[in-house]
């Protein structure tokens, strides 16, 4: 199954055509710690994201 985007391009084709751009943007926007591992800083708005907390409590 394929998702169709604007101008009848599939999501798969969009990713394939824009792979380098997407990868470079992701690398540019990813903070790394001293061990060169991706991290979320404490001042990032997503750091305190709690929307999934209830869901994970139910799984335990």
Protein backbone atom coordinates (compact mmCIF):
# COMPACT_ATOMS: atom_id res chain seq x y z
CA UNK A 1 0.00 0.00 0.00
CA UNK A 2 1.24 3.45 -0.85
CA UNK A 3 0.18 6.86 0.42
CA UNK A 4 -0.39 9.45 -2.30
CA UNK A 5 0.73 13.00 -1.64
CA UNK A 6 0.27 16.22 -3.60
CA UNK A 7 0.84 15.92 -7.37
CA UNK A 8 0.23 12.13 -7.29
CA UNK A 9 3.64 11.31 -5.82
CA UNK A 10 3.71 8.45 -3.33
CA UNK A 11 5.26 8.96 0.09
CA UNK A 12 7.77 6.24 -0.75
CA UNK A 13 8.82 8.09 -3.92
CA UNK A 14 8.93 11.41 -2.05
CA UNK A 15 11.32 9.92 0.50
CA UNK A 16 13.43 8.36 -2.22
CA UNK A 17 13.65 11.64 -4.18
CA UNK A 18 14.42 13.75 -1.10
CA UNK A 19 16.50 11.30 0.94
CA UNK A 20 19.64 13.45 1.13
CA UNK A 21 17.73 16.63 2.02
CA UNK A 22 15.69 14.86 4.72
CA UNK A 23 18.79 13.20 6.18
CA UNK A 24 20.77 16.46 6.23
CA UNK A 25 17.91 18.37 7.90
CA UNK A 26 17.55 15.65 10.51
CA UNK A 27 21.29 15.66 11.24
CA UNK A 28 21.31 19.46 11.46
CA UNK A 29 18.42 19.44 13.95
CA UNK A 30 19.75 16.61 16.14
CA UNK A 31 21.73 17.46 19.25
CA UNK A 32 24.42 14.97 20.26
CA UNK A 33 25.81 14.27 23.72
CA UNK A 34 29.50 13.79 24.56
CA UNK A 35 29.28 10.17 23.37
CA UNK A 36 27.93 11.35 20.00
CA UNK A 37 24.50 9.89 20.74
CA UNK A 38 21.29 11.78 19.90
CA UNK A 39 19.66 13.51 22.86
CA UNK A 40 16.82 15.83 23.80
CA UNK A 41 17.91 18.82 25.83
CA UNK A 42 16.03 19.81 28.98
CA UNK A 43 14.94 23.10 27.40
CA UNK A 44 13.37 21.36 24.39
CA UNK A 45 9.58 21.70 24.32
CA UNK A 46 9.25 17.94 23.74
CA UNK A 47 11.33 17.04 26.80
CA UNK A 48 8.31 17.19 29.08
CA UNK A 49 5.91 15.61 26.57
CA UNK A 50 3.51 13.44 28.58
CA UNK A 51 0.81 12.47 26.09
CA UNK A 52 1.82 8.80 26.12
CA UNK A 53 2.17 8.40 29.91
CA UNK A 54 -1.37 7.07 30.43
CA UNK A 55 -0.99 4.64 27.55
CA UNK A 56 2.24 3.19 28.94
CA UNK A 57 0.79 2.93 32.46
CA UNK A 58 -1.97 0.71 31.05
CA UNK A 59 0.58 -1.57 29.39
CA UNK A 60 2.35 -2.32 32.67
